[in-house]
Amino acid sequence: GFPVHAHSVPVPVHNFIKTLNPGTKLALFSTHG
């Protein structure tokens, strides 16, 4: 999960997602006001 920043994903989450192994089952959720 992550808060929406400037229509996108915050850098720490961006970097985390890019490190995931291929085939990792991922469920995303976000918060935004």
All heavy atoms as atom14 arrays in JSON, in Angstrom:
{
  "sequence": "GFPVHAHSVPVPVHNFIKTLNPGTKLALFSTHG",
  "atom14_mask": [
    [1, 1, 1, 1, 0, 0, 0, 0, 0, 0, 0, 0, 0, 0],
    [1, 1, 1, 1, 1, 1, 1, 1, 1, 1, 1, 0, 0, 0],
    [1, 1, 1, 1, 1, 1, 1, 0, 0, 0, 0, 0, 0, 0],
    [1, 1, 1, 1, 1, 1, 1, 0, 0, 0, 0, 0, 0, 0],
    [1, 1, 1, 1, 1, 1, 1, 1, 1, 1, 0, 0, 0, 0],
    [1, 1, 1, 1, 1, 0, 0, 0, 0, 0, 0, 0, 0, 0],
    [1, 1, 1, 1, 1, 1, 1, 1, 1, 1, 0, 0, 0, 0],
    [1, 1, 1, 1, 1, 1, 0, 0, 0, 0, 0, 0, 0, 0],
    [1, 1, 1, 1, 1, 1, 1, 0, 0, 0, 0, 0, 0, 0],
    [1, 1, 1, 1, 1, 1, 1, 0, 0, 0, 0, 0, 0, 0],
    [1, 1, 1, 1, 1, 1, 1, 0, 0, 0, 0, 0, 0, 0],
    [1, 1, 1, 1, 1, 1, 1, 0, 0, 0, 0, 0, 0, 0],
    [1, 1, 1, 1, 1, 1, 1, 0, 0, 0, 0, 0, 0, 0],
    [1, 1, 1, 1, 1, 1, 1, 1, 1, 1, 0, 0, 0, 0],
    [1, 1, 1, 1, 1, 1, 1, 1, 0, 0, 0, 0, 0, 0],
    [1, 1, 1, 1, 1, 1, 1, 1, 1, 1, 1, 0, 0, 0],
    [1, 1, 1, 1, 1, 1, 1, 1, 0, 0, 0, 0, 0, 0],
    [1, 1, 1, 1, 1, 1, 1, 1, 1, 0, 0, 0, 0, 0],
    [1, 1, 1, 1, 1, 1, 1, 0, 0, 0, 0, 0, 0, 0],
    [1, 1, 1, 1, 1, 1, 1, 1, 0, 0, 0, 0, 0, 0],
    [1, 1, 1, 1, 1, 1, 1, 1, 0, 0, 0, 0, 0, 0],
    [1, 1, 1, 1, 1, 1, 1, 0, 0, 0, 0, 0, 0, 0],
    [1, 1, 1, 1, 0, 0, 0, 0, 0, 0, 0, 0, 0, 0],
    [1, 1, 1, 1, 1, 1, 1, 0, 0, 0, 0, 0, 0, 0],
    [1, 1, 1, 1, 1, 1, 1, 1, 1, 0, 0, 0, 0, 0],
    [1, 1, 1, 1, 1, 1, 1, 1, 0, 0, 0, 0, 0, 0],
    [1, 1, 1, 1, 1, 0, 0, 0, 0, 0, 0, 0, 0, 0],
    [1, 1, 1, 1, 1, 1, 1, 1, 0, 0, 0, 0, 0, 0],
    [1, 1, 1, 1, 1, 1, 1, 1, 1, 1, 1, 0, 0, 0],
    [1, 1, 1, 1, 1, 1, 0, 0, 0, 0, 0, 0, 0, 0],
    [1, 1, 1, 1, 1, 1, 1, 0, 0, 0, 0, 0, 0, 0],
    [1, 1, 1, 1, 1, 1, 1, 1, 1, 1, 0, 0, 0, 0],
    [1, 1, 1, 1, 0, 0, 0, 0, 0, 0, 0, 0, 0, 0]
  ],
  "atom14_positions": [
    [[0.81, -1.21, 0.0], [0.0, 0.0, 0.0], [0.84, 1.26, 0.0], [1.96, 1.29, 0.52], [0.0, 0.0, 0.0], [0.0, 0.0, 0.0], [0.0, 0.0, 0.0], [0.0, 0.0, 0.0], [0.0, 0.0, 0.0], [0.0, 0.0, 0.0], [0.0, 0.0, 0.0], [0.0, 0.0, 0.0], [0.0, 0.0, 0.0], [0.0, 0.0, 0.0]],
    [[0.27, 2.3, -0.58], [0.98, 3.56, -0.7], [-0.01, 4.72, -0.87], [-1.1, 4.53, -1.37], [1.93, 3.53, -1.9], [1.24, 3.25, -3.21], [0.76, 4.28, -4.0], [1.07, 1.95, -3.65], [0.12, 4.01, -5.2], [0.44, 1.67, -4.85], [-0.04, 2.71, -5.63], [0.0, 0.0, 0.0], [0.0, 0.0, 0.0], [0.0, 0.0, 0.0]],
    [[0.4, 5.93, -0.46], [-0.4, 7.1, -0.76], [-0.08, 7.56, -2.18], [1.04, 7.38, -2.66], [0.08, 8.13, 0.28], [1.5, 7.73, 0.56], [1.53, 6.23, 0.41], [0.0, 0.0, 0.0], [0.0, 0.0, 0.0], [0.0, 0.0, 0.0], [0.0, 0.0, 0.0], [0.0, 0.0, 0.0], [0.0, 0.0, 0.0], [0.0, 0.0, 0.0]],
    [[-1.04, 8.14, -2.84], [-0.82, 8.65, -4.19], [-0.01, 9.94, -4.08], [-0.36, 10.85, -3.33], [-2.16, 8.91, -4.9], [-1.93, 9.57, -6.25], [-2.94, 7.62, -5.06], [0.0, 0.0, 0.0], [0.0, 0.0, 0.0], [0.0, 0.0, 0.0], [0.0, 0.0, 0.0], [0.0, 0.0, 0.0], [0.0, 0.0, 0.0], [0.0, 0.0, 0.0]],
    [[1.1, 10.0, -4.83], [1.93, 11.2, -4.9], [2.01, 11.66, -6.35], [2.52, 10.92, -7.19], [3.34, 10.91, -4.4], [3.45, 10.79, -2.93], [4.64, 10.59, -2.3], [2.53, 10.85, -1.93], [4.46, 10.52, -1.0], [3.18, 10.66, -0.76], [0.0, 0.0, 0.0], [0.0, 0.0, 0.0], [0.0, 0.0, 0.0], [0.0, 0.0, 0.0]],
    [[1.5, 12.84, -6.63], [1.61, 13.43, -7.97], [1.16, 12.45, -9.06], [1.89, 12.19, -10.01], [3.02, 13.92, -8.22], [0.0, 0.0, 0.0], [0.0, 0.0, 0.0], [0.0, 0.0, 0.0], [0.0, 0.0, 0.0], [0.0, 0.0, 0.0], [0.0, 0.0, 0.0], [0.0, 0.0, 0.0], [0.0, 0.0, 0.0], [0.0, 0.0, 0.0]],
    [[0.0, 11.86, -8.89], [-0.58, 10.91, -9.86], [0.2, 9.61, -9.95], [0.05, 8.87, -10.91], [-0.65, 11.51, -11.27], [-1.46, 12.73, -11.39], [-2.74, 12.73, -11.85], [-1.18, 14.03, -11.1], [-3.21, 13.95, -11.86], [-2.29, 14.76, -11.4], [0.0, 0.0, 0.0], [0.0, 0.0, 0.0], [0.0, 0.0, 0.0], [0.0, 0.0, 0.0]],
    [[1.07, 9.33, -8.99], [1.95, 8.19, -9.16], [2.26, 7.5, -7.83], [1.63, 7.75, -6.82], [3.24, 8.65, -9.84], [3.96, 7.54, -10.3], [0.0, 0.0, 0.0], [0.0, 0.0, 0.0], [0.0, 0.0, 0.0], [0.0, 0.0, 0.0], [0.0, 0.0, 0.0], [0.0, 0.0, 0.0], [0.0, 0.0, 0.0], [0.0, 0.0, 0.0]],
    [[3.27, 6.67, -7.9], [3.72, 5.85, -6.78], [4.91, 6.55, -6.11], [5.82, 6.98, -6.8], [4.16, 4.46, -7.31], [4.66, 3.58, -6.21], [3.02, 3.81, -8.07], [0.0, 0.0, 0.0], [0.0, 0.0, 0.0], [0.0, 0.0, 0.0], [0.0, 0.0, 0.0], [0.0, 0.0, 0.0], [0.0, 0.0, 0.0], [0.0, 0.0, 0.0]],
    [[4.93, 6.65, -4.78], [6.08, 7.24, -4.11], [7.37, 6.46, -4.42], [7.33, 5.24, -4.6], [5.74, 7.16, -2.63], [4.28, 6.93, -2.56], [3.9, 6.23, -3.83], [0.0, 0.0, 0.0], [0.0, 0.0, 0.0], [0.0, 0.0, 0.0], [0.0, 0.0, 0.0], [0.0, 0.0, 0.0], [0.0, 0.0, 0.0], [0.0, 0.0, 0.0]],
    [[8.48, 7.14, -4.44], [9.77, 6.53, -4.79], [10.08, 5.28, -3.98], [10.49, 4.26, -4.56], [10.91, 7.56, -4.7], [12.27, 6.91, -4.87], [10.71, 8.66, -5.75], [0.0, 0.0, 0.0], [0.0, 0.0, 0.0], [0.0, 0.0, 0.0], [0.0, 0.0, 0.0], [0.0, 0.0, 0.0], [0.0, 0.0, 0.0], [0.0, 0.0, 0.0]],
    [[9.9, 5.26, -2.65], [10.22, 4.02, -1.92], [9.4, 2.81, -2.39], [9.91, 1.69, -2.45], [9.9, 4.36, -0.46], [10.03, 5.85, -0.39], [9.54, 6.34, -1.73], [0.0, 0.0, 0.0], [0.0, 0.0, 0.0], [0.0, 0.0, 0.0], [0.0, 0.0, 0.0], [0.0, 0.0, 0.0], [0.0, 0.0, 0.0], [0.0, 0.0, 0.0]],
    [[8.14, 3.03, -2.74], [7.3, 1.93, -3.22], [7.71, 1.55, -4.64], [7.77, 0.36, -4.98], [5.81, 2.29, -3.14], [4.94, 1.2, -3.74], [5.41, 2.56, -1.69], [0.0, 0.0, 0.0], [0.0, 0.0, 0.0], [0.0, 0.0, 0.0], [0.0, 0.0, 0.0], [0.0, 0.0, 0.0], [0.0, 0.0, 0.0], [0.0, 0.0, 0.0]],
    [[8.0, 2.54, -5.46], [8.5, 2.29, -6.82], [9.72, 1.37, -6.75], [9.79, 0.34, -7.44], [8.86, 3.61, -7.49], [9.41, 3.49, -8.86], [10.73, 3.19, -9.11], [8.82, 3.63, -10.07], [10.94, 3.16, -10.41], [9.78, 3.42, -11.02], [0.0, 0.0, 0.0], [0.0, 0.0, 0.0], [0.0, 0.0, 0.0], [0.0, 0.0, 0.0]],
    [[10.67, 1.72, -5.91], [11.89, 0.93, -5.77], [11.6, -0.47, -5.23], [12.19, -1.45, -5.68], [12.89, 1.65, -4.88], [13.39, 2.93, -5.5], [13.31, 3.14, -6.71], [13.89, 3.83, -4.67], [0.0, 0.0, 0.0], [0.0, 0.0, 0.0], [0.0, 0.0, 0.0], [0.0, 0.0, 0.0], [0.0, 0.0, 0.0], [0.0, 0.0, 0.0]],
    [[10.68, -0.58, -4.28], [10.31, -1.88, -3.72], [9.71, -2.78, -4.79], [10.11, -3.94, -4.94], [9.32, -1.7, -2.57], [8.74, -2.99, -2.07], [9.47, -3.83, -1.26], [7.45, -3.37, -2.43], [8.94, -5.04, -0.82], [6.92, -4.56, -1.99], [7.67, -5.4, -1.18], [0.0, 0.0, 0.0], [0.0, 0.0, 0.0], [0.0, 0.0, 0.0]],
    [[8.76, -2.27, -5.54], [8.09, -3.08, -6.57], [9.1, -3.57, -7.61], [9.05, -4.71, -8.06], [6.94, -2.3, -7.22], [5.8, -2.1, -6.2], [6.42, -3.02, -8.47], [4.69, -1.18, -6.69], [0.0, 0.0, 0.0], [0.0, 0.0, 0.0], [0.0, 0.0, 0.0], [0.0, 0.0, 0.0], [0.0, 0.0, 0.0], [0.0, 0.0, 0.0]],
    [[10.06, -2.71, -7.95], [11.06, -3.09, -8.96], [11.97, -4.21, -8.48], [12.61, -4.87, -9.3], [11.89, -1.87, -9.36], [11.1, -0.78, -10.07], [10.47, -1.23, -11.35], [11.44, -1.15, -12.49], [10.87, -1.54, -13.77], [0.0, 0.0, 0.0], [0.0, 0.0, 0.0], [0.0, 0.0, 0.0], [0.0, 0.0, 0.0], [0.0, 0.0, 0.0]],
    [[12.03, -4.45, -7.16], [12.91, -5.52, -6.65], [12.21, -6.87, -6.56], [12.86, -7.87, -6.27], [13.44, -5.17, -5.24], [12.35, -5.17, -4.31], [14.17, -3.85, -5.22], [0.0, 0.0, 0.0], [0.0, 0.0, 0.0], [0.0, 0.0, 0.0], [0.0, 0.0, 0.0], [0.0, 0.0, 0.0], [0.0, 0.0, 0.0], [0.0, 0.0, 0.0]],
    [[10.9, -6.91, -6.79], [10.16, -8.16, -6.64], [10.59, -9.18, -7.7], [10.86, -8.84, -8.85], [8.66, -7.91, -6.74], [8.07, -7.05, -5.63], [6.6, -6.78, -5.89], [8.28, -7.69, -4.27], [0.0, 0.0, 0.0], [0.0, 0.0, 0.0], [0.0, 0.0, 0.0], [0.0, 0.0, 0.0], [0.0, 0.0, 0.0], [0.0, 0.0, 0.0]],
    [[10.62, -10.44, -7.28], [10.95, -11.52, -8.19], [9.83, -11.71, -9.21], [8.66, -11.52, -8.88], [11.17, -12.82, -7.42], [12.38, -12.76, -6.52], [13.38, -12.13, -6.85], [12.3, -13.42, -5.39], [0.0, 0.0, 0.0], [0.0, 0.0, 0.0], [0.0, 0.0, 0.0], [0.0, 0.0, 0.0], [0.0, 0.0, 0.0], [0.0, 0.0, 0.0]],
    [[10.17, -12.12, -10.42], [9.14, -12.41, -11.41], [8.14, -13.43, -10.87], [8.53, -14.39, -10.19], [9.92, -12.99, -12.59], [11.29, -12.42, -12.43], [11.51, -12.32, -10.95], [0.0, 0.0, 0.0], [0.0, 0.0, 0.0], [0.0, 0.0, 0.0], [0.0, 0.0, 0.0], [0.0, 0.0, 0.0], [0.0, 0.0, 0.0], [0.0, 0.0, 0.0]],
    [[6.87, -13.21, -11.12], [5.83, -14.12, -10.68], [5.33, -13.88, -9.27], [4.45, -14.6, -8.8], [0.0, 0.0, 0.0], [0.0, 0.0, 0.0], [0.0, 0.0, 0.0], [0.0, 0.0, 0.0], [0.0, 0.0, 0.0], [0.0, 0.0, 0.0], [0.0, 0.0, 0.0], [0.0, 0.0, 0.0], [0.0, 0.0, 0.0], [0.0, 0.0, 0.0]],
    [[5.88, -12.89, -8.59], [5.41, -12.57, -7.24], [3.95, -12.14, -7.29], [3.58, -11.29, -8.1], [6.26, -11.44, -6.62], [7.6, -11.86, -6.54], [5.74, -11.07, -5.23], [0.0, 0.0, 0.0], [0.0, 0.0, 0.0], [0.0, 0.0, 0.0], [0.0, 0.0, 0.0], [0.0, 0.0, 0.0], [0.0, 0.0, 0.0], [0.0, 0.0, 0.0]],
    [[3.13, -12.74, -6.46], [1.72, -12.34, -6.39], [1.64, -11.08, -5.55], [2.07, -11.06, -4.38], [0.87, -13.45, -5.79], [0.77, -14.64, -6.71], [-0.13, -15.69, -6.15], [-0.17, -16.88, -7.11], [-0.97, -17.96, -6.58], [0.0, 0.0, 0.0], [0.0, 0.0, 0.0], [0.0, 0.0, 0.0], [0.0, 0.0, 0.0], [0.0, 0.0, 0.0]],
    [[1.09, -10.02, -6.15], [1.08, -8.69, -5.55], [-0.32, -8.12, -5.57], [-0.97, -8.08, -6.61], [2.03, -7.78, -6.33], [2.18, -6.33, -5.89], [2.8, -6.25, -4.5], [3.04, -5.58, -6.9], [0.0, 0.0, 0.0], [0.0, 0.0, 0.0], [0.0, 0.0, 0.0], [0.0, 0.0, 0.0], [0.0, 0.0, 0.0], [0.0, 0.0, 0.0]],
    [[-0.79, -7.69, -4.41], [-2.08, -7.0, -4.29], [-1.79, -5.57, -3.87], [-1.19, -5.32, -2.82], [-2.96, -7.69, -3.24], [0.0, 0.0, 0.0], [0.0, 0.0, 0.0], [0.0, 0.0, 0.0], [0.0, 0.0, 0.0], [0.0, 0.0, 0.0], [0.0, 0.0, 0.0], [0.0, 0.0, 0.0], [0.0, 0.0, 0.0], [0.0, 0.0, 0.0]],
    [[-2.19, -4.62, -4.71], [-1.91, -3.21, -4.46], [-3.11, -2.51, -3.83], [-4.25, -2.81, -4.16], [-1.56, -2.5, -5.77], [-0.32, -3.03, -6.49], [-0.29, -2.5, -7.92], [0.94, -2.63, -5.74], [0.0, 0.0, 0.0], [0.0, 0.0, 0.0], [0.0, 0.0, 0.0], [0.0, 0.0, 0.0], [0.0, 0.0, 0.0], [0.0, 0.0, 0.0]],
    [[-2.84, -1.55, -2.95], [-3.88, -0.66, -2.44], [-3.27, 0.71, -2.24], [-2.06, 0.84, -2.01], [-4.53, -1.21, -1.16], [-3.61, -1.34, 0.02], [-3.55, -0.34, 0.98], [-2.83, -2.47, 0.19], [-2.72, -0.47, 2.09], [-2.0, -2.61, 1.29], [-1.94, -1.61, 2.24], [0.0, 0.0, 0.0], [0.0, 0.0, 0.0], [0.0, 0.0, 0.0]],
    [[-4.1, 1.72, -2.38], [-3.59, 3.09, -2.23], [-4.58, 3.94, -1.46], [-5.76, 3.62, -1.35], [-3.3, 3.72, -3.59], [-4.49, 3.95, -4.29], [0.0, 0.0, 0.0], [0.0, 0.0, 0.0], [0.0, 0.0, 0.0], [0.0, 0.0, 0.0], [0.0, 0.0, 0.0], [0.0, 0.0, 0.0], [0.0, 0.0, 0.0], [0.0, 0.0, 0.0]],
    [[-4.06, 5.04, -0.94], [-4.9, 6.02, -0.27], [-4.69, 7.37, -0.95], [-3.6, 7.66, -1.46], [-4.54, 6.14, 1.22], [-3.16, 6.46, 1.35], [-4.83, 4.85, 1.97], [0.0, 0.0, 0.0], [0.0, 0.0, 0.0], [0.0, 0.0, 0.0], [0.0, 0.0, 0.0], [0.0, 0.0, 0.0], [0.0, 0.0, 0.0], [0.0, 0.0, 0.0]],
    [[-5.76, 8.15, -0.97], [-5.67, 9.48, -1.58], [-6.85, 10.31, -1.13], [-7.97, 9.81, -1.05], [-5.67, 9.36, -3.11], [-5.36, 10.65, -3.78], [-6.34, 11.55, -4.15], [-4.19, 11.22, -4.12], [-5.76, 12.6, -4.71], [-4.46, 12.42, -4.7], [0.0, 0.0, 0.0], [0.0, 0.0, 0.0], [0.0, 0.0, 0.0], [0.0, 0.0, 0.0]],
    [[-6.61, 11.54, -0.83], [-7.67, 12.44, -0.37], [-8.36, 13.15, -1.52], [-8.36, 14.37, -1.57], [0.0, 0.0, 0.0], [0.0, 0.0, 0.0], [0.0, 0.0, 0.0], [0.0, 0.0, 0.0], [0.0, 0.0, 0.0], [0.0, 0.0, 0.0], [0.0, 0.0, 0.0], [0.0, 0.0, 0.0], [0.0, 0.0, 0.0], [0.0, 0.0, 0.0]]
  ]
}
